[in-house]
Amino acid sequence: EYHYQAHYFARLLCQLSRPIIVEIGGGFGGLAYQILKRTPHVIYIGLDLPENILLQAYYLRCAFPELRVLTYGTGMSRLTRATISTYDCILLPDFFVGDIESGIADLIINVRSLAEMPIETIANYHRQIDRLGRLFFFHENIFNDRLDGLYGIPSPQFPPLEKFILIAESESRWPRYQQDSAYPCREYLYLHRSWLRERPPPYESLMRES
């Protein structure tokens, strides 16, 4: 799954020489590993709970000893584009999202964790996605109530995004997350509205294949 998604994201960003990817909720770093392996010139920024960031930093440093990694530290007050450009991987606690410079992300990702957050947290992340993003936003989350009885907010109930427009969606590609499962998911690909205004969309083939 992670390998496929990393390949898909690489195709989305293939025209960029040094794309910046922001992942919300990267867990232990499985998807980050595949992204960094598949697209060595990428800059990866991970946002998660502080304890997950520690685990992710350990895992990725072991997997890629040569990687230039920045993690959150005392006194860090703002992450600017100039600082971002000097690292390959930046791992930050979720509360730092508002201190990242606006308009830096070519792709923002969330895979099956937004729906497990309170609606106020989802709304805040959507505001930050609108602020940080400049090209794509991809997420896969539940679209119906969970059948296992656990907490989850279906994606149709997410607050709207102001600066992104949905260009493709489909049922999850993975059987354990399809509509007859206990955790029924759909995947969604959004494009920043500024690109639709300024350029003819160059991604028709990707949209057809989604």
N, C-alpha and C. Protein backbone atom coordinates (compact mmCIF):
# COMPACT_ATOMS: atom_id res chain seq x y z
N GLU A 1 0.83 -1.21 0.00
CA GLU A 1 0.00 0.00 0.00
C GLU A 1 0.87 1.26 0.00
N TYR A 2 1.83 1.33 0.92
CA TYR A 2 2.70 2.51 0.98
C TYR A 2 3.50 2.67 -0.31
N HIS A 3 3.98 1.54 -0.84
CA HIS A 3 4.76 1.58 -2.08
C HIS A 3 3.92 2.13 -3.21
N TYR A 4 2.69 1.66 -3.34
CA TYR A 4 1.81 2.15 -4.41
C TYR A 4 1.55 3.64 -4.25
N GLN A 5 1.21 4.07 -3.03
CA GLN A 5 0.90 5.48 -2.82
C GLN A 5 2.10 6.37 -3.13
N ALA A 6 3.30 5.94 -2.73
CA ALA A 6 4.50 6.72 -3.02
C ALA A 6 4.71 6.85 -4.52
N HIS A 7 4.46 5.77 -5.25
CA HIS A 7 4.59 5.81 -6.71
C HIS A 7 3.56 6.78 -7.31
N TYR A 8 2.35 6.74 -6.82
CA TYR A 8 1.29 7.63 -7.29
C TYR A 8 1.65 9.09 -7.03
N PHE A 9 2.14 9.38 -5.83
CA PHE A 9 2.51 10.76 -5.49
C PHE A 9 3.68 11.23 -6.34
N ALA A 10 4.63 10.34 -6.62
CA ALA A 10 5.77 10.71 -7.46
C ALA A 10 5.29 11.11 -8.85
N ARG A 11 4.29 10.43 -9.36
CA ARG A 11 3.75 10.78 -10.67
C ARG A 11 3.04 12.13 -10.64
N LEU A 12 2.34 12.40 -9.55
CA LEU A 12 1.68 13.70 -9.42
C LEU A 12 2.69 14.85 -9.45
N LEU A 13 3.87 14.62 -8.88
CA LEU A 13 4.86 15.68 -8.69
C LEU A 13 6.03 15.58 -9.64
N CYS A 14 5.91 14.78 -10.70
CA CYS A 14 7.07 14.47 -11.55
C CYS A 14 7.63 15.69 -12.27
N GLN A 15 6.85 16.75 -12.40
CA GLN A 15 7.34 17.93 -13.11
C GLN A 15 8.08 18.90 -12.19
N LEU A 16 8.18 18.58 -10.91
CA LEU A 16 8.83 19.46 -9.95
C LEU A 16 10.21 18.92 -9.59
N SER A 17 11.19 19.81 -9.53
CA SER A 17 12.57 19.37 -9.28
C SER A 17 12.83 19.07 -7.80
N ARG A 18 12.14 19.75 -6.88
CA ARG A 18 12.37 19.55 -5.44
C ARG A 18 11.04 19.73 -4.72
N PRO A 19 10.11 18.79 -4.89
CA PRO A 19 8.78 18.97 -4.30
C PRO A 19 8.81 18.85 -2.78
N ILE A 20 7.88 19.54 -2.14
CA ILE A 20 7.72 19.49 -0.70
C ILE A 20 6.41 18.78 -0.39
N ILE A 21 6.49 17.69 0.37
CA ILE A 21 5.32 16.91 0.77
C ILE A 21 5.12 17.07 2.27
N VAL A 22 3.90 17.36 2.67
CA VAL A 22 3.53 17.42 4.08
C VAL A 22 2.56 16.29 4.37
N GLU A 23 2.92 15.43 5.33
CA GLU A 23 2.00 14.36 5.73
C GLU A 23 1.47 14.64 7.13
N ILE A 24 0.16 14.59 7.27
CA ILE A 24 -0.49 14.73 8.56
C ILE A 24 -0.77 13.34 9.10
N GLY A 25 -0.15 12.98 10.21
CA GLY A 25 -0.38 11.68 10.80
C GLY A 25 0.42 10.57 10.14
N GLY A 26 1.74 10.67 10.18
CA GLY A 26 2.60 9.70 9.50
C GLY A 26 2.87 8.43 10.27
N GLY A 27 2.41 8.33 11.53
CA GLY A 27 2.61 7.11 12.30
C GLY A 27 4.08 6.79 12.49
N PHE A 28 4.46 5.53 12.27
CA PHE A 28 5.84 5.12 12.49
C PHE A 28 6.76 5.53 11.34
N GLY A 29 6.18 5.96 10.20
CA GLY A 29 6.99 6.42 9.08
C GLY A 29 6.98 5.51 7.88
N GLY A 30 6.02 4.60 7.79
CA GLY A 30 5.98 3.66 6.67
C GLY A 30 5.81 4.33 5.32
N LEU A 31 4.87 5.25 5.22
CA LEU A 31 4.67 5.96 3.95
C LEU A 31 5.83 6.91 3.70
N ALA A 32 6.31 7.57 4.72
CA ALA A 32 7.47 8.46 4.56
C ALA A 32 8.66 7.70 3.99
N TYR A 33 8.90 6.49 4.49
CA TYR A 33 10.01 5.67 3.98
C TYR A 33 9.87 5.44 2.48
N GLN A 34 8.68 5.06 2.04
CA GLN A 34 8.49 4.78 0.61
C GLN A 34 8.59 6.05 -0.23
N ILE A 35 8.09 7.17 0.29
CA ILE A 35 8.20 8.44 -0.44
C ILE A 35 9.67 8.82 -0.61
N LEU A 36 10.44 8.75 0.46
CA LEU A 36 11.86 9.15 0.40
C LEU A 36 12.67 8.18 -0.47
N LYS A 37 12.29 6.92 -0.48
CA LYS A 37 12.98 5.93 -1.30
C LYS A 37 12.63 6.11 -2.77
N ARG A 38 11.35 6.39 -3.04
CA ARG A 38 10.88 6.48 -4.43
C ARG A 38 11.27 7.81 -5.06
N THR A 39 11.32 8.89 -4.28
CA THR A 39 11.59 10.23 -4.81
C THR A 39 12.70 10.85 -3.97
N PRO A 40 13.96 10.53 -4.23
CA PRO A 40 15.07 10.97 -3.36
C PRO A 40 15.22 12.49 -3.25
N HIS A 41 14.72 13.22 -4.25
CA HIS A 41 14.90 14.68 -4.24
C HIS A 41 13.78 15.39 -3.49
N VAL A 42 12.85 14.64 -2.90
CA VAL A 42 11.72 15.25 -2.21
C VAL A 42 12.16 15.81 -0.86
N ILE A 43 11.41 16.81 -0.38
CA ILE A 43 11.51 17.25 1.01
C ILE A 43 10.24 16.80 1.71
N TYR A 44 10.40 15.99 2.75
CA TYR A 44 9.25 15.42 3.46
C TYR A 44 9.10 16.12 4.81
N ILE A 45 7.89 16.61 5.10
CA ILE A 45 7.58 17.21 6.39
C ILE A 45 6.47 16.38 7.03
N GLY A 46 6.76 15.80 8.21
CA GLY A 46 5.78 14.99 8.90
C GLY A 46 5.24 15.67 10.13
N LEU A 47 3.93 15.62 10.32
CA LEU A 47 3.25 16.20 11.49
C LEU A 47 2.47 15.09 12.19
N ASP A 48 2.70 14.93 13.48
CA ASP A 48 1.99 13.89 14.22
C ASP A 48 2.09 14.19 15.71
N LEU A 49 1.51 13.31 16.52
CA LEU A 49 1.65 13.43 17.97
C LEU A 49 3.12 13.34 18.34
N PRO A 50 3.56 14.04 19.38
CA PRO A 50 4.99 14.07 19.71
C PRO A 50 5.63 12.69 19.86
N GLU A 51 4.93 11.73 20.49
CA GLU A 51 5.52 10.41 20.67
C GLU A 51 5.70 9.68 19.34
N ASN A 52 4.78 9.91 18.40
CA ASN A 52 4.93 9.30 17.07
C ASN A 52 6.10 9.91 16.31
N ILE A 53 6.31 11.21 16.49
CA ILE A 53 7.43 11.87 15.82
C ILE A 53 8.76 11.29 16.29
N LEU A 54 8.89 10.98 17.56
CA LEU A 54 10.12 10.36 18.06
C LEU A 54 10.35 9.01 17.41
N LEU A 55 9.28 8.21 17.30
CA LEU A 55 9.39 6.90 16.66
C LEU A 55 9.76 7.04 15.19
N GLN A 56 9.09 7.97 14.51
CA GLN A 56 9.35 8.18 13.09
C GLN A 56 10.78 8.65 12.85
N ALA A 57 11.28 9.55 13.69
CA ALA A 57 12.64 10.04 13.54
C ALA A 57 13.65 8.90 13.68
N TYR A 58 13.45 8.03 14.67
CA TYR A 58 14.35 6.89 14.86
C TYR A 58 14.32 5.96 13.65
N TYR A 59 13.11 5.64 13.20
CA TYR A 59 12.95 4.70 12.07
C TYR A 59 13.60 5.25 10.80
N LEU A 60 13.33 6.50 10.46
CA LEU A 60 13.84 7.06 9.21
C LEU A 60 15.34 7.30 9.26
N ARG A 61 15.86 7.66 10.42
CA ARG A 61 17.31 7.83 10.54
C ARG A 61 18.04 6.49 10.41
N CYS A 62 17.43 5.43 10.91
CA CYS A 62 18.03 4.10 10.74
C CYS A 62 17.96 3.66 9.27
N ALA A 63 16.85 3.96 8.62
CA ALA A 63 16.66 3.53 7.23
C ALA A 63 17.51 4.35 6.26
N PHE A 64 17.69 5.63 6.57
CA PHE A 64 18.43 6.54 5.68
C PHE A 64 19.46 7.30 6.50
N PRO A 65 20.59 6.70 6.81
CA PRO A 65 21.58 7.37 7.67
C PRO A 65 22.10 8.68 7.10
N GLU A 66 22.06 8.82 5.77
CA GLU A 66 22.58 10.02 5.14
C GLU A 66 21.56 11.16 5.11
N LEU A 67 20.35 10.91 5.54
CA LEU A 67 19.28 11.89 5.45
C LEU A 67 19.55 13.08 6.37
N ARG A 68 19.30 14.29 5.85
CA ARG A 68 19.39 15.49 6.68
C ARG A 68 18.03 15.69 7.36
N VAL A 69 17.97 15.40 8.66
CA VAL A 69 16.70 15.38 9.40
C VAL A 69 16.67 16.50 10.43
N LEU A 70 15.55 17.22 10.46
CA LEU A 70 15.32 18.23 11.47
C LEU A 70 14.13 17.80 12.30
N THR A 71 14.28 17.78 13.63
CA THR A 71 13.16 17.51 14.52
C THR A 71 12.93 18.71 15.44
N TYR A 72 11.77 18.75 16.00
CA TYR A 72 11.39 19.87 16.86
C TYR A 72 12.29 19.96 18.10
N GLY A 73 12.65 21.17 18.44
CA GLY A 73 13.47 21.38 19.62
C GLY A 73 13.07 22.64 20.35
N THR A 74 13.49 22.75 21.58
CA THR A 74 13.20 23.93 22.39
C THR A 74 13.74 25.19 21.70
N GLY A 75 12.90 26.20 21.64
CA GLY A 75 13.31 27.44 21.01
C GLY A 75 12.92 27.56 19.55
N MET A 76 12.48 26.48 18.93
CA MET A 76 12.03 26.56 17.54
C MET A 76 10.71 27.32 17.51
N SER A 77 10.68 28.40 16.75
CA SER A 77 9.49 29.26 16.77
C SER A 77 8.78 29.33 15.43
N ARG A 78 9.51 29.09 14.33
CA ARG A 78 8.88 29.19 13.02
C ARG A 78 9.70 28.40 12.00
N LEU A 79 9.00 27.77 11.07
CA LEU A 79 9.68 27.02 10.01
C LEU A 79 9.48 27.77 8.70
N THR A 80 10.56 28.31 8.17
CA THR A 80 10.50 29.11 6.95
C THR A 80 10.92 28.28 5.74
N ARG A 81 10.61 28.79 4.57
CA ARG A 81 11.01 28.13 3.34
C ARG A 81 12.53 27.99 3.25
N ALA A 82 13.26 29.00 3.73
CA ALA A 82 14.72 28.95 3.68
C ALA A 82 15.25 27.79 4.53
N THR A 83 14.68 27.60 5.71
CA THR A 83 15.11 26.49 6.56
C THR A 83 14.71 25.15 5.94
N ILE A 84 13.50 25.07 5.43
CA ILE A 84 13.01 23.83 4.82
C ILE A 84 13.95 23.36 3.71
N SER A 85 14.46 24.29 2.91
CA SER A 85 15.29 23.93 1.76
C SER A 85 16.62 23.30 2.14
N THR A 86 17.02 23.39 3.39
CA THR A 86 18.31 22.85 3.81
C THR A 86 18.20 21.44 4.39
N TYR A 87 17.00 20.86 4.41
CA TYR A 87 16.79 19.52 4.96
C TYR A 87 16.10 18.62 3.96
N ASP A 88 16.21 17.31 4.20
CA ASP A 88 15.49 16.31 3.41
C ASP A 88 14.21 15.86 4.12
N CYS A 89 14.23 15.90 5.43
CA CYS A 89 13.12 15.38 6.24
C CYS A 89 12.98 16.24 7.48
N ILE A 90 11.75 16.71 7.73
CA ILE A 90 11.47 17.56 8.89
C ILE A 90 10.29 16.95 9.63
N LEU A 91 10.48 16.66 10.91
CA LEU A 91 9.47 15.97 11.70
C LEU A 91 9.06 16.85 12.87
N LEU A 92 7.76 17.15 12.92
CA LEU A 92 7.27 18.15 13.87
C LEU A 92 6.03 17.67 14.60
N PRO A 93 5.84 18.08 15.86
CA PRO A 93 4.60 17.76 16.57
C PRO A 93 3.42 18.51 15.96
N ASP A 94 2.25 17.93 16.11
CA ASP A 94 1.06 18.49 15.47
C ASP A 94 0.78 19.93 15.87
N PHE A 95 1.14 20.32 17.09
CA PHE A 95 0.82 21.68 17.55
C PHE A 95 1.66 22.75 16.84
N PHE A 96 2.67 22.34 16.07
CA PHE A 96 3.54 23.29 15.39
C PHE A 96 3.02 23.66 14.00
N VAL A 97 1.93 23.05 13.56
CA VAL A 97 1.47 23.24 12.18
C VAL A 97 1.24 24.71 11.84
N GLY A 98 0.76 25.50 12.80
CA GLY A 98 0.48 26.91 12.54
C GLY A 98 1.72 27.77 12.41
N ASP A 99 2.90 27.21 12.70
CA ASP A 99 4.14 27.97 12.63
C ASP A 99 4.98 27.63 11.41
N ILE A 100 4.37 26.97 10.44
CA ILE A 100 5.05 26.67 9.18
C ILE A 100 4.66 27.74 8.17
N GLU A 101 5.64 28.21 7.42
CA GLU A 101 5.38 29.27 6.43
C GLU A 101 4.29 28.86 5.45
N SER A 102 3.45 29.81 5.07
CA SER A 102 2.33 29.55 4.18
C SER A 102 2.80 29.22 2.76
N GLY A 103 1.97 28.43 2.07
CA GLY A 103 2.16 28.18 0.64
C GLY A 103 3.38 27.38 0.27
N ILE A 104 3.84 26.49 1.16
CA ILE A 104 5.09 25.76 0.88
C ILE A 104 4.87 24.35 0.37
N ALA A 105 3.66 23.79 0.51
CA ALA A 105 3.46 22.37 0.25
C ALA A 105 2.94 22.11 -1.16
N ASP A 106 3.67 21.30 -1.91
CA ASP A 106 3.20 20.88 -3.23
C ASP A 106 2.17 19.76 -3.12
N LEU A 107 2.27 18.98 -2.06
CA LEU A 107 1.31 17.91 -1.81
C LEU A 107 1.14 17.75 -0.30
N ILE A 108 -0.11 17.73 0.14
CA ILE A 108 -0.44 17.45 1.54
C ILE A 108 -1.19 16.12 1.57
N ILE A 109 -0.84 15.26 2.52
CA ILE A 109 -1.38 13.90 2.57
C ILE A 109 -1.97 13.63 3.95
N ASN A 110 -3.10 12.93 3.96
CA ASN A 110 -3.57 12.29 5.19
C ASN A 110 -4.20 10.96 4.82
N VAL A 111 -3.77 9.91 5.50
CA VAL A 111 -4.30 8.57 5.22
C VAL A 111 -4.92 8.01 6.50
N ARG A 112 -6.24 8.01 6.53
CA ARG A 112 -7.04 7.34 7.55
C ARG A 112 -6.73 7.78 8.99
N SER A 113 -6.63 9.09 9.20
CA SER A 113 -6.56 9.56 10.58
C SER A 113 -7.40 10.83 10.81
N LEU A 114 -7.63 11.64 9.79
CA LEU A 114 -8.47 12.83 9.99
C LEU A 114 -9.84 12.44 10.54
N ALA A 115 -10.40 11.37 10.01
CA ALA A 115 -11.75 10.97 10.42
C ALA A 115 -11.82 10.56 11.88
N GLU A 116 -10.69 10.24 12.48
CA GLU A 116 -10.67 9.81 13.88
C GLU A 116 -10.44 10.97 14.84
N MET A 117 -10.37 12.19 14.31
CA MET A 117 -10.16 13.38 15.13
C MET A 117 -11.49 14.07 15.42
N PRO A 118 -11.56 14.88 16.48
CA PRO A 118 -12.76 15.68 16.72
C PRO A 118 -13.01 16.65 15.56
N ILE A 119 -14.24 17.02 15.35
CA ILE A 119 -14.59 17.89 14.23
C ILE A 119 -13.86 19.23 14.30
N GLU A 120 -13.61 19.73 15.51
CA GLU A 120 -12.88 21.00 15.65
C GLU A 120 -11.43 20.86 15.17
N THR A 121 -10.83 19.70 15.41
CA THR A 121 -9.47 19.45 14.96
C THR A 121 -9.41 19.32 13.45
N ILE A 122 -10.40 18.63 12.87
CA ILE A 122 -10.47 18.53 11.41
C ILE A 122 -10.60 19.92 10.79
N ALA A 123 -11.46 20.75 11.38
CA ALA A 123 -11.65 22.11 10.85
C ALA A 123 -10.35 22.90 10.90
N ASN A 124 -9.60 22.76 11.99
CA ASN A 124 -8.33 23.46 12.10
C ASN A 124 -7.34 22.96 11.05
N TYR A 125 -7.26 21.65 10.87
CA TYR A 125 -6.36 21.12 9.85
C TYR A 125 -6.76 21.59 8.46
N HIS A 126 -8.06 21.67 8.18
CA HIS A 126 -8.49 22.16 6.86
C HIS A 126 -8.07 23.62 6.67
N ARG A 127 -8.14 24.42 7.71
CA ARG A 127 -7.66 25.79 7.59
C ARG A 127 -6.16 25.81 7.30
N GLN A 128 -5.42 24.93 7.96
CA GLN A 128 -3.98 24.87 7.74
C GLN A 128 -3.65 24.32 6.35
N ILE A 129 -4.42 23.37 5.88
CA ILE A 129 -4.22 22.84 4.52
C ILE A 129 -4.45 23.94 3.50
N ASP A 130 -5.51 24.71 3.68
CA ASP A 130 -5.75 25.86 2.79
C ASP A 130 -4.58 26.83 2.82
N ARG A 131 -3.99 27.02 4.00
CA ARG A 131 -2.91 27.99 4.16
C ARG A 131 -1.58 27.46 3.62
N LEU A 132 -1.28 26.20 3.87
CA LEU A 132 0.02 25.63 3.52
C LEU A 132 0.11 25.17 2.07
N GLY A 133 -1.00 24.72 1.51
CA GLY A 133 -0.96 24.06 0.21
C GLY A 133 -0.82 25.01 -0.96
N ARG A 134 -0.21 24.48 -2.03
CA ARG A 134 -0.10 25.26 -3.26
C ARG A 134 -0.43 24.44 -4.51
N LEU A 135 -0.58 23.12 -4.36
CA LEU A 135 -0.85 22.30 -5.55
C LEU A 135 -1.87 21.20 -5.26
N PHE A 136 -1.47 20.11 -4.57
CA PHE A 136 -2.37 18.98 -4.34
C PHE A 136 -2.64 18.74 -2.86
N PHE A 137 -3.83 18.19 -2.60
CA PHE A 137 -4.16 17.61 -1.29
C PHE A 137 -4.81 16.26 -1.55
N PHE A 138 -4.26 15.22 -0.93
CA PHE A 138 -4.79 13.86 -1.06
C PHE A 138 -5.13 13.33 0.31
N HIS A 139 -6.32 12.71 0.43
CA HIS A 139 -6.60 12.01 1.67
C HIS A 139 -7.48 10.80 1.39
N GLU A 140 -7.33 9.79 2.25
CA GLU A 140 -8.21 8.63 2.26
C GLU A 140 -8.76 8.47 3.66
N ASN A 141 -10.10 8.50 3.78
CA ASN A 141 -10.74 8.40 5.08
C ASN A 141 -12.11 7.75 4.93
N ILE A 142 -12.72 7.37 6.06
CA ILE A 142 -14.02 6.75 5.99
C ILE A 142 -15.04 7.70 5.36
N PHE A 143 -15.99 7.13 4.61
CA PHE A 143 -17.03 7.95 4.01
C PHE A 143 -18.42 7.55 4.51
N ASN A 144 -18.50 6.46 5.26
CA ASN A 144 -19.72 6.05 5.96
C ASN A 144 -19.36 5.77 7.42
N ASP A 145 -20.38 5.58 8.24
CA ASP A 145 -20.12 5.24 9.63
C ASP A 145 -19.31 3.95 9.73
N ARG A 146 -18.41 3.90 10.68
CA ARG A 146 -17.65 2.67 10.93
C ARG A 146 -18.61 1.57 11.39
N LEU A 147 -18.38 0.36 10.91
CA LEU A 147 -19.24 -0.76 11.28
C LEU A 147 -18.74 -1.50 12.50
N ASP A 148 -17.59 -1.05 13.05
CA ASP A 148 -17.07 -1.69 14.26
C ASP A 148 -17.51 -0.95 15.52
N GLY A 149 -18.34 0.09 15.34
CA GLY A 149 -18.89 0.81 16.48
C GLY A 149 -17.96 1.82 17.11
N LEU A 150 -16.76 2.00 16.55
CA LEU A 150 -15.81 2.95 17.11
C LEU A 150 -16.01 4.34 16.52
N TYR A 151 -15.34 5.33 17.12
CA TYR A 151 -15.51 6.74 16.75
C TYR A 151 -14.97 7.00 15.34
N GLY A 152 -15.67 7.82 14.60
CA GLY A 152 -15.19 8.24 13.29
C GLY A 152 -16.16 9.21 12.66
N ILE A 153 -15.65 10.25 12.02
CA ILE A 153 -16.48 11.23 11.32
C ILE A 153 -16.32 10.99 9.82
N PRO A 154 -17.38 10.58 9.12
CA PRO A 154 -17.27 10.32 7.68
C PRO A 154 -16.83 11.57 6.92
N SER A 155 -16.07 11.37 5.88
CA SER A 155 -15.51 12.49 5.11
C SER A 155 -16.56 13.44 4.54
N PRO A 156 -17.77 12.98 4.14
CA PRO A 156 -18.76 13.96 3.67
C PRO A 156 -19.15 14.99 4.73
N GLN A 157 -18.84 14.72 6.00
CA GLN A 157 -19.15 15.67 7.07
C GLN A 157 -17.97 16.58 7.40
N PHE A 158 -16.85 16.42 6.72
CA PHE A 158 -15.70 17.30 6.96
C PHE A 158 -16.06 18.74 6.59
N PRO A 159 -15.54 19.72 7.31
CA PRO A 159 -15.74 21.12 6.90
C PRO A 159 -15.16 21.34 5.49
N PRO A 160 -15.75 22.26 4.72
CA PRO A 160 -15.27 22.48 3.35
C PRO A 160 -13.90 23.15 3.32
N LEU A 161 -13.17 22.86 2.26
CA LEU A 161 -11.92 23.55 1.96
C LEU A 161 -12.24 24.77 1.10
N GLU A 162 -11.57 25.88 1.35
CA GLU A 162 -11.85 27.10 0.60
C GLU A 162 -10.98 27.22 -0.65
N LYS A 163 -9.74 26.71 -0.61
CA LYS A 163 -8.79 26.97 -1.68
C LYS A 163 -8.51 25.75 -2.56
N PHE A 164 -9.16 24.64 -2.29
CA PHE A 164 -8.96 23.43 -3.07
C PHE A 164 -10.27 22.97 -3.68
N ILE A 165 -10.18 22.35 -4.85
CA ILE A 165 -11.35 21.79 -5.50
C ILE A 165 -11.11 20.30 -5.75
N LEU A 166 -12.11 19.47 -5.50
CA LEU A 166 -12.00 18.03 -5.70
C LEU A 166 -11.94 17.72 -7.19
N ILE A 167 -10.91 16.98 -7.61
CA ILE A 167 -10.78 16.63 -9.03
C ILE A 167 -10.90 15.13 -9.27
N ALA A 168 -10.79 14.30 -8.24
CA ALA A 168 -10.93 12.85 -8.42
C ALA A 168 -11.24 12.20 -7.09
N GLU A 169 -12.07 11.15 -7.13
CA GLU A 169 -12.31 10.35 -5.93
C GLU A 169 -12.66 8.94 -6.35
N SER A 170 -12.41 8.00 -5.46
CA SER A 170 -12.75 6.61 -5.74
C SER A 170 -12.83 5.84 -4.43
N GLU A 171 -13.46 4.68 -4.49
CA GLU A 171 -13.44 3.78 -3.35
C GLU A 171 -12.00 3.40 -3.05
N SER A 172 -11.70 3.12 -1.79
CA SER A 172 -10.36 2.68 -1.43
C SER A 172 -9.92 1.52 -2.32
N ARG A 173 -8.65 1.52 -2.68
CA ARG A 173 -8.11 0.47 -3.53
C ARG A 173 -7.83 -0.82 -2.75
N TRP A 174 -7.96 -0.77 -1.43
CA TRP A 174 -7.54 -1.89 -0.58
C TRP A 174 -8.78 -2.59 -0.02
N PRO A 175 -8.93 -3.91 -0.24
CA PRO A 175 -10.15 -4.62 0.15
C PRO A 175 -10.55 -4.42 1.61
N ARG A 176 -9.59 -4.32 2.51
CA ARG A 176 -9.95 -4.20 3.92
C ARG A 176 -10.53 -2.84 4.26
N TYR A 177 -10.49 -1.88 3.30
CA TYR A 177 -11.06 -0.56 3.53
C TYR A 177 -12.18 -0.24 2.54
N GLN A 178 -12.67 -1.23 1.81
CA GLN A 178 -13.72 -0.96 0.84
C GLN A 178 -15.10 -0.93 1.50
N GLN A 179 -16.13 -0.63 0.72
CA GLN A 179 -17.41 -0.23 1.30
C GLN A 179 -18.11 -1.31 2.12
N ASP A 180 -17.76 -2.58 1.91
CA ASP A 180 -18.37 -3.64 2.69
C ASP A 180 -17.54 -4.03 3.91
N SER A 181 -16.49 -3.25 4.20
CA SER A 181 -15.63 -3.54 5.35
C SER A 181 -16.13 -2.79 6.58
N ALA A 182 -15.50 -3.06 7.72
CA ALA A 182 -15.86 -2.35 8.95
C ALA A 182 -15.33 -0.92 8.97
N TYR A 183 -14.43 -0.61 8.04
CA TYR A 183 -13.80 0.71 7.99
C TYR A 183 -13.86 1.19 6.54
N PRO A 184 -15.05 1.55 6.04
CA PRO A 184 -15.23 1.84 4.62
C PRO A 184 -14.66 3.21 4.22
N CYS A 185 -13.72 3.21 3.30
CA CYS A 185 -12.99 4.43 2.95
C CYS A 185 -13.13 4.78 1.48
N ARG A 186 -12.95 6.06 1.21
CA ARG A 186 -12.76 6.58 -0.14
C ARG A 186 -11.51 7.44 -0.15
N GLU A 187 -10.90 7.56 -1.32
CA GLU A 187 -9.75 8.45 -1.47
C GLU A 187 -10.16 9.66 -2.30
N TYR A 188 -9.55 10.79 -2.00
CA TYR A 188 -9.92 12.06 -2.61
C TYR A 188 -8.66 12.81 -3.03
N LEU A 189 -8.67 13.36 -4.23
CA LEU A 189 -7.56 14.19 -4.71
C LEU A 189 -8.10 15.58 -5.04
N TYR A 190 -7.48 16.59 -4.43
CA TYR A 190 -7.87 17.98 -4.62
C TYR A 190 -6.74 18.74 -5.31
N LEU A 191 -7.11 19.76 -6.06
CA LEU A 191 -6.15 20.65 -6.71
C LEU A 191 -6.41 22.07 -6.26
N HIS A 192 -5.33 22.82 -6.00
CA HIS A 192 -5.46 24.20 -5.55
C HIS A 192 -6.13 25.05 -6.63
N ARG A 193 -7.08 25.87 -6.23
CA ARG A 193 -7.86 26.66 -7.18
C ARG A 193 -6.99 27.60 -8.02
N SER A 194 -5.89 28.09 -7.45
CA SER A 194 -5.04 29.03 -8.19
C SER A 194 -4.47 28.39 -9.45
N TRP A 195 -4.20 27.07 -9.40
CA TRP A 195 -3.67 26.40 -10.59
C TRP A 195 -4.74 26.26 -11.67
N LEU A 196 -5.98 26.10 -11.26
CA LEU A 196 -7.06 26.02 -12.24
C LEU A 196 -7.30 27.36 -12.92
N ARG A 197 -7.07 28.45 -12.18
CA ARG A 197 -7.27 29.79 -12.75
C ARG A 197 -6.14 30.17 -13.69
N GLU A 198 -4.91 29.78 -13.33
CA GLU A 198 -3.74 30.29 -14.04
C GLU A 198 -3.24 29.39 -15.16
N ARG A 199 -3.59 28.10 -15.14
CA ARG A 199 -3.04 27.17 -16.11
C ARG A 199 -4.10 26.17 -16.54
N PRO A 200 -4.05 25.69 -17.78
CA PRO A 200 -4.93 24.58 -18.14
C PRO A 200 -4.49 23.33 -17.38
N PRO A 201 -5.41 22.58 -16.79
CA PRO A 201 -5.02 21.41 -15.99
C PRO A 201 -4.22 20.40 -16.81
N PRO A 202 -3.02 20.03 -16.38
CA PRO A 202 -2.19 19.08 -17.14
C PRO A 202 -2.29 17.67 -16.62
N TYR A 203 -3.34 17.36 -15.81
CA TYR A 203 -3.34 16.08 -15.10
C TYR A 203 -4.54 15.20 -15.47
N GLU A 204 -5.06 15.35 -16.72
CA GLU A 204 -6.24 14.60 -17.10
C GLU A 204 -6.03 13.09 -17.02
N SER A 205 -4.84 12.63 -17.42
CA SER A 205 -4.58 11.18 -17.41
C SER A 205 -4.58 10.64 -16.00
N LEU A 206 -4.03 11.38 -15.05
CA LEU A 206 -4.03 10.94 -13.68
C LEU A 206 -5.46 10.91 -13.12
N MET A 207 -6.26 11.89 -13.51
CA MET A 207 -7.63 11.93 -13.04
C MET A 207 -8.43 10.75 -13.58
N ARG A 208 -8.18 10.37 -14.86
CA ARG A 208 -8.89 9.23 -15.43
C ARG A 208 -8.50 7.93 -14.76
N GLU A 209 -7.23 7.83 -14.32
CA GLU A 209 -6.75 6.59 -13.74
C GLU A 209 -7.08 6.48 -12.27
N SER A 210 -7.55 7.55 -11.64
CA SER A 210 -7.82 7.52 -10.20
C SER A 210 -9.06 6.68 -9.90
